[in-house]
Amino acid sequence: LGQSAATAASIALERGEAVQDVPYQLLQQRLVDDGQV
């Protein structure tokens, strides 16, 4: 969950939005690419 939190925080920073507004599809793809199950 720490790795996933960091990924979401980074995407939110890149998009300039709240963590609650991070598009799940973007988050999901990066997590899968980084080996998360």
PDB file of all heavy atoms in Angstrom:
ATOM      1  N   LEU A   1       0.821  -1.210   0.000  1.00  0.00           N
ATOM      2  CA  LEU A   1       0.000   0.000   0.000  1.00  0.00           C
ATOM      3  C   LEU A   1       0.854   1.259   0.000  1.00  0.00           C
ATOM      4  O   LEU A   1       0.449   2.293  -0.545  1.00  0.00           O
ATOM      5  CB  LEU A   1      -0.948  -0.014   1.198  1.00  0.00           C
ATOM      6  CG  LEU A   1      -1.967  -1.167   1.218  1.00  0.00           C
ATOM      7  CD1 LEU A   1      -2.879  -1.049   2.429  1.00  0.00           C
ATOM      8  CD2 LEU A   1      -2.784  -1.187  -0.060  1.00  0.00           C
ATOM      9  N   GLY A   2       2.051   1.183   0.609  1.00  0.00           N
ATOM     10  CA  GLY A   2       2.964   2.322   0.550  1.00  0.00           C
ATOM     11  C   GLY A   2       3.384   2.627  -0.879  1.00  0.00           C
ATOM     12  O   GLY A   2       3.395   3.794  -1.305  1.00  0.00           O
ATOM     13  N   GLN A   3       3.735   1.597  -1.632  1.00  0.00           N
ATOM     14  CA  GLN A   3       4.099   1.795  -3.031  1.00  0.00           C
ATOM     15  C   GLN A   3       2.930   2.379  -3.820  1.00  0.00           C
ATOM     16  O   GLN A   3       3.114   3.294  -4.639  1.00  0.00           O
ATOM     17  CB  GLN A   3       4.533   0.471  -3.661  1.00  0.00           C
ATOM     18  CG  GLN A   3       4.881   0.597  -5.145  1.00  0.00           C
ATOM     19  CD  GLN A   3       5.340  -0.702  -5.767  1.00  0.00           C
ATOM     20  OE1 GLN A   3       5.474  -1.721  -5.070  1.00  0.00           O
ATOM     21  NE2 GLN A   3       5.586  -0.694  -7.059  1.00  0.00           N
ATOM     22  N   SER A   4       1.728   1.870  -3.583  1.00  0.00           N
ATOM     23  CA  SER A   4       0.555   2.371  -4.305  1.00  0.00           C
ATOM     24  C   SER A   4       0.248   3.817  -3.922  1.00  0.00           C
ATOM     25  O   SER A   4      -0.154   4.616  -4.774  1.00  0.00           O
ATOM     26  CB  SER A   4      -0.654   1.472  -4.019  1.00  0.00           C
ATOM     27  OG  SER A   4      -0.440   0.172  -4.530  1.00  0.00           O
ATOM     28  N   ALA A   5       0.440   4.153  -2.658  1.00  0.00           N
ATOM     29  CA  ALA A   5       0.224   5.535  -2.221  1.00  0.00           C
ATOM     30  C   ALA A   5       1.186   6.485  -2.916  1.00  0.00           C
ATOM     31  O   ALA A   5       0.803   7.577  -3.362  1.00  0.00           O
ATOM     32  CB  ALA A   5       0.378   5.630  -0.704  1.00  0.00           C
ATOM     33  N   ALA A   6       2.442   6.081  -3.015  1.00  0.00           N
ATOM     34  CA  ALA A   6       3.439   6.921  -3.687  1.00  0.00           C
ATOM     35  C   ALA A   6       3.100   7.104  -5.160  1.00  0.00           C
ATOM     36  O   ALA A   6       3.267   8.196  -5.729  1.00  0.00           O
ATOM     37  CB  ALA A   6       4.821   6.296  -3.543  1.00  0.00           C
ATOM     38  N   THR A   7       2.630   6.040  -5.796  1.00  0.00           N
ATOM     39  CA  THR A   7       2.255   6.115  -7.205  1.00  0.00           C
ATOM     40  C   THR A   7       1.107   7.088  -7.400  1.00  0.00           C
ATOM     41  O   THR A   7       1.128   7.933  -8.312  1.00  0.00           O
ATOM     42  CB  THR A   7       1.862   4.714  -7.720  1.00  0.00           C
ATOM     43  OG1 THR A   7       2.925   3.802  -7.464  1.00  0.00           O
ATOM     44  CG2 THR A   7       1.562   4.743  -9.205  1.00  0.00           C
ATOM     45  N   ALA A   8       0.093   6.996  -6.547  1.00  0.00           N
ATOM     46  CA  ALA A   8      -1.050   7.902  -6.641  1.00  0.00           C
ATOM     47  C   ALA A   8      -0.636   9.345  -6.377  1.00  0.00           C
ATOM     48  O   ALA A   8      -1.090  10.269  -7.070  1.00  0.00           O
ATOM     49  CB  ALA A   8      -2.130   7.467  -5.648  1.00  0.00           C
ATOM     50  N   ALA A   9       0.224   9.542  -5.385  1.00  0.00           N
ATOM     51  CA  ALA A   9       0.683  10.898  -5.074  1.00  0.00           C
ATOM     52  C   ALA A   9       1.427  11.508  -6.257  1.00  0.00           C
ATOM     53  O   ALA A   9       1.251  12.685  -6.581  1.00  0.00           O
ATOM     54  CB  ALA A   9       1.575  10.873  -3.836  1.00  0.00           C
ATOM     55  N   SER A  10       2.256  10.711  -6.913  1.00  0.00           N
ATOM     56  CA  SER A  10       3.022  11.201  -8.051  1.00  0.00           C
ATOM     57  C   SER A  10       2.110  11.559  -9.224  1.00  0.00           C
ATOM     58  O   SER A  10       2.293  12.597  -9.885  1.00  0.00           O
ATOM     59  CB  SER A  10       4.047  10.152  -8.476  1.00  0.00           C
ATOM     60  OG  SER A  10       4.862  10.640  -9.509  1.00  0.00           O
ATOM     61  N   ILE A  11       1.119  10.719  -9.490  1.00  0.00           N
ATOM     62  CA  ILE A  11       0.172  11.013 -10.569  1.00  0.00           C
ATOM     63  C   ILE A  11      -0.632  12.265 -10.253  1.00  0.00           C
ATOM     64  O   ILE A  11      -0.864  13.117 -11.127  1.00  0.00           O
ATOM     65  CB  ILE A  11      -0.761   9.805 -10.804  1.00  0.00           C
ATOM     66  CG1 ILE A  11       0.036   8.616 -11.348  1.00  0.00           C
ATOM     67  CG2 ILE A  11      -1.884  10.168 -11.765  1.00  0.00           C
ATOM     68  CD1 ILE A  11      -0.768   7.339 -11.466  1.00  0.00           C
ATOM     69  N   ALA A  12      -1.057  12.395  -8.995  1.00  0.00           N
ATOM     70  CA  ALA A  12      -1.804  13.589  -8.596  1.00  0.00           C
ATOM     71  C   ALA A  12      -0.962  14.842  -8.776  1.00  0.00           C
ATOM     72  O   ALA A  12      -1.463  15.891  -9.214  1.00  0.00           O
ATOM     73  CB  ALA A  12      -2.268  13.450  -7.142  1.00  0.00           C
ATOM     74  N   LEU A  13       0.327  14.754  -8.438  1.00  0.00           N
ATOM     75  CA  LEU A  13       1.226  15.894  -8.642  1.00  0.00           C
ATOM     76  C   LEU A  13       1.345  16.248 -10.119  1.00  0.00           C
ATOM     77  O   LEU A  13       1.286  17.422 -10.508  1.00  0.00           O
ATOM     78  CB  LEU A  13       2.609  15.575  -8.071  1.00  0.00           C
ATOM     79  CG  LEU A  13       2.787  15.717  -6.564  1.00  0.00           C
ATOM     80  CD1 LEU A  13       4.170  15.219  -6.148  1.00  0.00           C
ATOM     81  CD2 LEU A  13       2.614  17.173  -6.148  1.00  0.00           C
ATOM     82  N   GLU A  14       1.521  15.228 -10.929  1.00  0.00           N
ATOM     83  CA  GLU A  14       1.686  15.454 -12.363  1.00  0.00           C
ATOM     84  C   GLU A  14       0.448  16.105 -12.972  1.00  0.00           C
ATOM     85  O   GLU A  14       0.551  16.970 -13.847  1.00  0.00           O
ATOM     86  CB  GLU A  14       1.966  14.126 -13.056  1.00  0.00           C
ATOM     87  CG  GLU A  14       2.193  14.231 -14.555  1.00  0.00           C
ATOM     88  CD  GLU A  14       2.494  12.890 -15.184  1.00  0.00           C
ATOM     89  OE1 GLU A  14       2.789  11.930 -14.440  1.00  0.00           O
ATOM     90  OE2 GLU A  14       2.429  12.794 -16.422  1.00  0.00           O
ATOM     91  N   ARG A  15      -0.711  15.732 -12.491  1.00  0.00           N
ATOM     92  CA  ARG A  15      -1.966  16.236 -13.047  1.00  0.00           C
ATOM     93  C   ARG A  15      -2.481  17.467 -12.310  1.00  0.00           C
ATOM     94  O   ARG A  15      -3.468  18.079 -12.729  1.00  0.00           O
ATOM     95  CB  ARG A  15      -3.018  15.136 -13.005  1.00  0.00           C
ATOM     96  CG  ARG A  15      -2.686  13.940 -13.904  1.00  0.00           C
ATOM     97  CD  ARG A  15      -3.686  12.797 -13.707  1.00  0.00           C
ATOM     98  NE  ARG A  15      -5.052  13.216 -13.976  1.00  0.00           N
ATOM     99  CZ  ARG A  15      -5.631  13.201 -15.180  1.00  0.00           C
ATOM    100  NH1 ARG A  15      -4.935  12.797 -16.235  1.00  0.00           N
ATOM    101  NH2 ARG A  15      -6.894  13.587 -15.337  1.00  0.00           N
ATOM    102  N   GLY A  16      -1.852  17.805 -11.188  1.00  0.00           N
ATOM    103  CA  GLY A  16      -2.266  18.979 -10.439  1.00  0.00           C
ATOM    104  C   GLY A  16      -3.649  18.843  -9.836  1.00  0.00           C
ATOM    105  O   GLY A  16      -4.450  19.790  -9.850  1.00  0.00           O
ATOM    106  N   GLU A  17      -3.949  17.653  -9.279  1.00  0.00           N
ATOM    107  CA  GLU A  17      -5.283  17.421  -8.758  1.00  0.00           C
ATOM    108  C   GLU A  17      -5.230  16.757  -7.385  1.00  0.00           C
ATOM    109  O   GLU A  17      -4.165  16.345  -6.912  1.00  0.00           O
ATOM    110  CB  GLU A  17      -6.075  16.539  -9.724  1.00  0.00           C
ATOM    111  CG  GLU A  17      -5.439  15.189 -10.001  1.00  0.00           C
ATOM    112  CD  GLU A  17      -6.079  14.477 -11.191  1.00  0.00           C
ATOM    113  OE1 GLU A  17      -6.901  15.100 -11.895  1.00  0.00           O
ATOM    114  OE2 GLU A  17      -5.735  13.308 -11.424  1.00  0.00           O
ATOM    115  N   ALA A  18      -6.378  16.649  -6.768  1.00  0.00           N
ATOM    116  CA  ALA A  18      -6.481  16.004  -5.467  1.00  0.00           C
ATOM    117  C   ALA A  18      -6.264  14.502  -5.621  1.00  0.00           C
ATOM    118  O   ALA A  18      -6.544  13.920  -6.672  1.00  0.00           O
ATOM    119  CB  ALA A  18      -7.857  16.271  -4.853  1.00  0.00           C
ATOM    120  N   VAL A  19      -5.773  13.882  -4.560  1.00  0.00           N
ATOM    121  CA  VAL A  19      -5.537  12.438  -4.629  1.00  0.00           C
ATOM    122  C   VAL A  19      -6.839  11.675  -4.875  1.00  0.00           C
ATOM    123  O   VAL A  19      -6.829  10.599  -5.482  1.00  0.00           O
ATOM    124  CB  VAL A  19      -4.842  11.923  -3.345  1.00  0.00           C
ATOM    125  CG1 VAL A  19      -3.439  12.487  -3.230  1.00  0.00           C
ATOM    126  CG2 VAL A  19      -5.674  12.245  -2.093  1.00  0.00           C
ATOM    127  N   GLN A  20      -7.956  12.244  -4.432  1.00  0.00           N
ATOM    128  CA  GLN A  20      -9.242  11.569  -4.637  1.00  0.00           C
ATOM    129  C   GLN A  20      -9.666  11.587  -6.108  1.00  0.00           C
ATOM    130  O   GLN A  20     -10.544  10.809  -6.509  1.00  0.00           O
ATOM    131  CB  GLN A  20     -10.331  12.231  -3.786  1.00  0.00           C
ATOM    132  CG  GLN A  20     -10.154  12.072  -2.292  1.00  0.00           C
ATOM    133  CD  GLN A  20      -9.223  13.113  -1.681  1.00  0.00           C
ATOM    134  OE1 GLN A  20      -8.683  13.971  -2.390  1.00  0.00           O
ATOM    135  NE2 GLN A  20      -9.031  13.050  -0.364  1.00  0.00           N
ATOM    136  N   ASP A  21      -9.071  12.455  -6.915  1.00  0.00           N
ATOM    137  CA  ASP A  21      -9.469  12.599  -8.316  1.00  0.00           C
ATOM    138  C   ASP A  21      -8.534  11.881  -9.286  1.00  0.00           C
ATOM    139  O   ASP A  21      -8.688  12.002 -10.509  1.00  0.00           O
ATOM    140  CB  ASP A  21      -9.533  14.087  -8.691  1.00  0.00           C
ATOM    141  CG  ASP A  21     -10.607  14.834  -7.908  1.00  0.00           C
ATOM    142  OD1 ASP A  21     -11.606  14.195  -7.522  1.00  0.00           O
ATOM    143  OD2 ASP A  21     -10.441  16.045  -7.664  1.00  0.00           O
ATOM    144  N   VAL A  22      -7.560  11.163  -8.782  1.00  0.00           N
ATOM    145  CA  VAL A  22      -6.634  10.433  -9.658  1.00  0.00           C
ATOM    146  C   VAL A  22      -7.431   9.406 -10.474  1.00  0.00           C
ATOM    147  O   VAL A  22      -8.136   8.577  -9.897  1.00  0.00           O
ATOM    148  CB  VAL A  22      -5.545   9.724  -8.835  1.00  0.00           C
ATOM    149  CG1 VAL A  22      -4.741   8.759  -9.699  1.00  0.00           C
ATOM    150  CG2 VAL A  22      -4.630  10.747  -8.183  1.00  0.00           C
ATOM    151  N   PRO A  23      -7.343   9.438 -11.801  1.00  0.00           N
ATOM    152  CA  PRO A  23      -8.068   8.445 -12.612  1.00  0.00           C
ATOM    153  C   PRO A  23      -7.547   7.037 -12.316  1.00  0.00           C
ATOM    154  O   PRO A  23      -6.343   6.778 -12.419  1.00  0.00           O
ATOM    155  CB  PRO A  23      -7.744   8.857 -14.056  1.00  0.00           C
ATOM    156  CG  PRO A  23      -7.328  10.287 -13.969  1.00  0.00           C
ATOM    157  CD  PRO A  23      -6.643  10.426 -12.643  1.00  0.00           C
ATOM    158  N   TYR A  24      -8.467   6.161 -11.967  1.00  0.00           N
ATOM    159  CA  TYR A  24      -8.022   4.830 -11.566  1.00  0.00           C
ATOM    160  C   TYR A  24      -7.311   4.104 -12.694  1.00  0.00           C
ATOM    161  O   TYR A  24      -6.365   3.349 -12.451  1.00  0.00           O
ATOM    162  CB  TYR A  24      -9.198   3.989 -11.063  1.00  0.00           C
ATOM    163  CG  TYR A  24      -8.755   2.585 -10.721  1.00  0.00           C
ATOM    164  CD1 TYR A  24      -7.873   2.363  -9.658  1.00  0.00           C
ATOM    165  CD2 TYR A  24      -9.148   1.490 -11.487  1.00  0.00           C
ATOM    166  CE1 TYR A  24      -7.425   1.089  -9.347  1.00  0.00           C
ATOM    167  CE2 TYR A  24      -8.701   0.210 -11.186  1.00  0.00           C
ATOM    168  CZ  TYR A  24      -7.839   0.015 -10.124  1.00  0.00           C
ATOM    169  OH  TYR A  24      -7.383  -1.250  -9.833  1.00  0.00           O
ATOM    170  N   GLN A  25      -7.734   4.323 -13.933  1.00  0.00           N
ATOM    171  CA  GLN A  25      -7.104   3.622 -15.050  1.00  0.00           C
ATOM    172  C   GLN A  25      -5.614   3.943 -15.140  1.00  0.00           C
ATOM    173  O   GLN A  25      -4.788   3.053 -15.407  1.00  0.00           O
ATOM    174  CB  GLN A  25      -7.796   3.979 -16.370  1.00  0.00           C
ATOM    175  CG  GLN A  25      -9.222   3.469 -16.493  1.00  0.00           C
ATOM    176  CD  GLN A  25     -10.215   4.283 -15.662  1.00  0.00           C
ATOM    177  OE1 GLN A  25      -9.897   5.384 -15.188  1.00  0.00           O
ATOM    178  NE2 GLN A  25     -11.404   3.733 -15.482  1.00  0.00           N
ATOM    179  N   LEU A  26      -5.256   5.204 -14.905  1.00  0.00           N
ATOM    180  CA  LEU A  26      -3.838   5.589 -14.914  1.00  0.00           C
ATOM    181  C   LEU A  26      -3.090   4.933 -13.761  1.00  0.00           C
ATOM    182  O   LEU A  26      -1.978   4.418 -13.922  1.00  0.00           O
ATOM    183  CB  LEU A  26      -3.704   7.109 -14.828  1.00  0.00           C
ATOM    184  CG  LEU A  26      -4.109   7.933 -16.049  1.00  0.00           C
ATOM    185  CD1 LEU A  26      -3.929   9.420 -15.764  1.00  0.00           C
ATOM    186  CD2 LEU A  26      -3.287   7.523 -17.267  1.00  0.00           C
ATOM    187  N   LEU A  27      -3.700   4.972 -12.582  1.00  0.00           N
ATOM    188  CA  LEU A  27      -3.078   4.376 -11.401  1.00  0.00           C
ATOM    189  C   LEU A  27      -2.925   2.877 -11.592  1.00  0.00           C
ATOM    190  O   LEU A  27      -1.849   2.303 -11.328  1.00  0.00           O
ATOM    191  CB  LEU A  27      -3.925   4.685 -10.167  1.00  0.00           C
ATOM    192  CG  LEU A  27      -3.481   4.070  -8.837  1.00  0.00           C
ATOM    193  CD1 LEU A  27      -2.073   4.519  -8.470  1.00  0.00           C
ATOM    194  CD2 LEU A  27      -4.473   4.428  -7.731  1.00  0.00           C
ATOM    195  N   GLN A  28      -3.962   2.232 -12.052  1.00  0.00           N
ATOM    196  CA  GLN A  28      -3.941   0.787 -12.259  1.00  0.00           C
ATOM    197  C   GLN A  28      -2.830   0.372 -13.213  1.00  0.00           C
ATOM    198  O   GLN A  28      -2.080  -0.569 -12.941  1.00  0.00           O
ATOM    199  CB  GLN A  28      -5.297   0.336 -12.797  1.00  0.00           C
ATOM    200  CG  GLN A  28      -5.402  -1.145 -13.098  1.00  0.00           C
ATOM    201  CD  GLN A  28      -6.705  -1.480 -13.790  1.00  0.00           C
ATOM    202  OE1 GLN A  28      -7.144  -0.773 -14.708  1.00  0.00           O
ATOM    203  NE2 GLN A  28      -7.352  -2.540 -13.341  1.00  0.00           N
ATOM    204  N   GLN A  29      -2.703   1.077 -14.326  1.00  0.00           N
ATOM    205  CA  GLN A  29      -1.710   0.706 -15.329  1.00  0.00           C
ATOM    206  C   GLN A  29      -0.300   0.824 -14.788  1.00  0.00           C
ATOM    207  O   GLN A  29       0.538  -0.058 -14.997  1.00  0.00           O
ATOM    208  CB  GLN A  29      -1.863   1.582 -16.581  1.00  0.00           C
ATOM    209  CG  GLN A  29      -0.972   1.147 -17.741  1.00  0.00           C
ATOM    210  CD  GLN A  29      -1.228  -0.278 -18.172  1.00  0.00           C
ATOM    211  OE1 GLN A  29      -2.358  -0.637 -18.522  1.00  0.00           O
ATOM    212  NE2 GLN A  29      -0.203  -1.125 -18.138  1.00  0.00           N
ATOM    213  N   ARG A  30      -0.028   1.904 -14.052  1.00  0.00           N
ATOM    214  CA  ARG A  30       1.321   2.081 -13.508  1.00  0.00           C
ATOM    215  C   ARG A  30       1.620   1.012 -12.448  1.00  0.00           C
ATOM    216  O   ARG A  30       2.732   0.473 -12.390  1.00  0.00           O
ATOM    217  CB  ARG A  30       1.489   3.483 -12.918  1.00  0.00           C
ATOM    218  CG  ARG A  30       2.873   3.745 -12.324  1.00  0.00           C
ATOM    219  CD  ARG A  30       3.971   3.609 -13.386  1.00  0.00           C
ATOM    220  NE  ARG A  30       5.294   3.540 -12.811  1.00  0.00           N
ATOM    221  CZ  ARG A  30       6.231   4.492 -12.933  1.00  0.00           C
ATOM    222  NH1 ARG A  30       5.960   5.595 -13.610  1.00  0.00           N
ATOM    223  NH2 ARG A  30       7.429   4.342 -12.385  1.00  0.00           N
ATOM    224  N   LEU A  31       0.641   0.694 -11.616  1.00  0.00           N
ATOM    225  CA  LEU A  31       0.858  -0.327 -10.589  1.00  0.00           C
ATOM    226  C   LEU A  31       1.149  -1.682 -11.221  1.00  0.00           C
ATOM    227  O   LEU A  31       2.061  -2.401 -10.785  1.00  0.00           O
ATOM    228  CB  LEU A  31      -0.361  -0.421  -9.670  1.00  0.00           C
ATOM    229  CG  LEU A  31      -0.659   0.801  -8.795  1.00  0.00           C
ATOM    230  CD1 LEU A  31      -1.929   0.572  -7.979  1.00  0.00           C
ATOM    231  CD2 LEU A  31       0.499   1.129  -7.882  1.00  0.00           C
ATOM    232  N   VAL A  32       0.386  -2.041 -12.239  1.00  0.00           N
ATOM    233  CA  VAL A  32       0.619  -3.314 -12.924  1.00  0.00           C
ATOM    234  C   VAL A  32       1.997  -3.313 -13.576  1.00  0.00           C
ATOM    235  O   VAL A  32       2.743  -4.303 -13.501  1.00  0.00           O
ATOM    236  CB  VAL A  32      -0.483  -3.575 -13.966  1.00  0.00           C
ATOM    237  CG1 VAL A  32      -0.124  -4.777 -14.838  1.00  0.00           C
ATOM    238  CG2 VAL A  32      -1.824  -3.810 -13.272  1.00  0.00           C
ATOM    239  N   ASP A  33       2.364  -2.204 -14.218  1.00  0.00           N
ATOM    240  CA  ASP A  33       3.677  -2.103 -14.857  1.00  0.00           C
ATOM    241  C   ASP A  33       4.806  -2.276 -13.849  1.00  0.00           C
ATOM    242  O   ASP A  33       5.884  -2.787 -14.187  1.00  0.00           O
ATOM    243  CB  ASP A  33       3.826  -0.750 -15.563  1.00  0.00           C
ATOM    244  CG  ASP A  33       2.946  -0.633 -16.797  1.00  0.00           C
ATOM    245  OD1 ASP A  33       2.437  -1.673 -17.267  1.00  0.00           O
ATOM    246  OD2 ASP A  33       2.750   0.499 -17.273  1.00  0.00           O
ATOM    247  N   ASP A  34       4.564  -1.848 -12.603  1.00  0.00           N
ATOM    248  CA  ASP A  34       5.586  -1.937 -11.562  1.00  0.00           C
ATOM    249  C   ASP A  34       5.491  -3.220 -10.734  1.00  0.00           C
ATOM    250  O   ASP A  34       6.117  -3.341  -9.681  1.00  0.00           O
ATOM    251  CB  ASP A  34       5.499  -0.719 -10.636  1.00  0.00           C
ATOM    252  CG  ASP A  34       5.973   0.548 -11.322  1.00  0.00           C
ATOM    253  OD1 ASP A  34       6.740   0.450 -12.307  1.00  0.00           O
ATOM    254  OD2 ASP A  34       5.582   1.653 -10.884  1.00  0.00           O
ATOM    255  N   GLY A  35       4.706  -4.166 -11.216  1.00  0.00           N
ATOM    256  CA  GLY A  35       4.693  -5.490 -10.590  1.00  0.00           C
ATOM    257  C   GLY A  35       3.723  -5.695  -9.457  1.00  0.00           C
ATOM    258  O   GLY A  35       3.752  -6.754  -8.805  1.00  0.00           O
ATOM    259  N   GLN A  36       2.843  -4.729  -9.209  1.00  0.00           N
ATOM    260  CA  GLN A  36       1.851  -4.942  -8.163  1.00  0.00           C
ATOM    261  C   GLN A  36       0.816  -5.981  -8.602  1.00  0.00           C
ATOM    262  O   GLN A  36       0.449  -6.054  -9.779  1.00  0.00           O
ATOM    263  CB  GLN A  36       1.132  -3.620  -7.835  1.00  0.00           C
ATOM    264  CG  GLN A  36       2.016  -2.585  -7.171  1.00  0.00           C
ATOM    265  CD  GLN A  36       2.120  -2.790  -5.677  1.00  0.00           C
ATOM    266  OE1 GLN A  36       2.493  -3.868  -5.217  1.00  0.00           O
ATOM    267  NE2 GLN A  36       1.825  -1.767  -4.905  1.00  0.00           N
ATOM    268  N   VAL A  37       0.343  -6.780  -7.655  1.00  0.00           N
ATOM    269  CA  VAL A  37      -0.693  -7.768  -7.921  1.00  0.00           C
ATOM    270  C   VAL A  37      -2.023  -7.165  -7.477  1.00  0.00           C
ATOM    271  O   VAL A  37      -2.220  -6.894  -6.292  1.00  0.00           O
ATOM    272  CB  VAL A  37      -0.424  -9.083  -7.169  1.00  0.00           C
ATOM    273  CG1 VAL A  37      -1.527 -10.100  -7.463  1.00  0.00           C
ATOM    274  CG2 VAL A  37       0.937  -9.650  -7.552  1.00  0.00           C
TER     275      VAL A  37
END
